[in-house]
Amino acid sequence: MTRIIAIANQKGGVGKTTTAVNLTAALAEARRRVLLVDLDPQGNATMASGVDKRALEASGCEVLLEEVPLERAVVRTESGFDLLPANGDLTAAEIKLADAIAREQRLREILAGAGERWQYVLIDCPPSLSLLTLNALTAADGVLIPMQCEYFALEGLTALLDTIRAVRQRLNPKLEVEGLLRTMYDVRNNLGNEVSSQLLQHFGDKVFRTIVPRNVRLAEAPSHGQPISRYDRESRGAIAYLGLAGEMLRRERGGAGPARAAETSAA
């Protein structure tokens, strides 16, 4: 059975695309069949996966507008996962879909047509509550929320949780929070430690044990068109995302206990 996970946060700069690309690559390394859907018109996940967004024969735009079938637009990456790429054309697709019937359900219908070709589908959402994001949330089983441990991130989290509740009530009753992922974490930052503790207190085992540290190699990898596991496998960033993939797989098997701040730390 395919599990569809939207990676979303209405606040930008929280490591959303970094998480989408590197978690997809890590799941592929665990021998899972994975599709990464780049649903951000910026196309950053496409470029970070080693695919040139300026040279696409077909993209998510044409798929959403039902001009080409999904299988024609999907490309295989060197990292072993499939990618539905994106570029600026997605903005045009969003405009054209605005008047379409059941416009929020277009992506769900497309993915349903793929059957069980993939075990996981990860969707990199735009950093805004747009029609594209609503398509992702309507199609998804769960939402993975990357967030920095800082004051304003908590405000953004509240807004996103309100959006998830609204989508659950009106469009997708099965939608749940897959988990909260602490990113760009610095153990020397007292505020970060405080916010992390608050997250654990309020959300318990919904907070992933894995913590993604601030890591220069992780920041460099996208400019080389590679996931961190290919760019620098020994880096702390690579170890974190491999750990996150393992944690997700254990959760699915029902083997994860309550989250604890000390485990898979950034140290």
Foldseek 3Di string as FASTA:
>chain_A
DAAEEEAAFLDPDQCSLLLLQLLQLLLVVVVFAEEEEELAQQQLNVLLQVHDQVDFPDAPLCCLVVNDAPVVQWDAGPSRYIYRTHHNSSVVSLVVLPPPPPSLQSLLVRVVVVPPSGRYYYYRHYSRPGSSVSNSLLNHLEYEYRGEQADVRVVRVVVVVVVSVVCCVPRHVNYYHQAYEHEQDDPVDPSSVVSVVVCCVPPKQRHDLQHHHNWPLSVPSSVVSYRSCVSPVPTLRNVRSSVVSVSSVCVVVVNDDIHDNVGNHSD
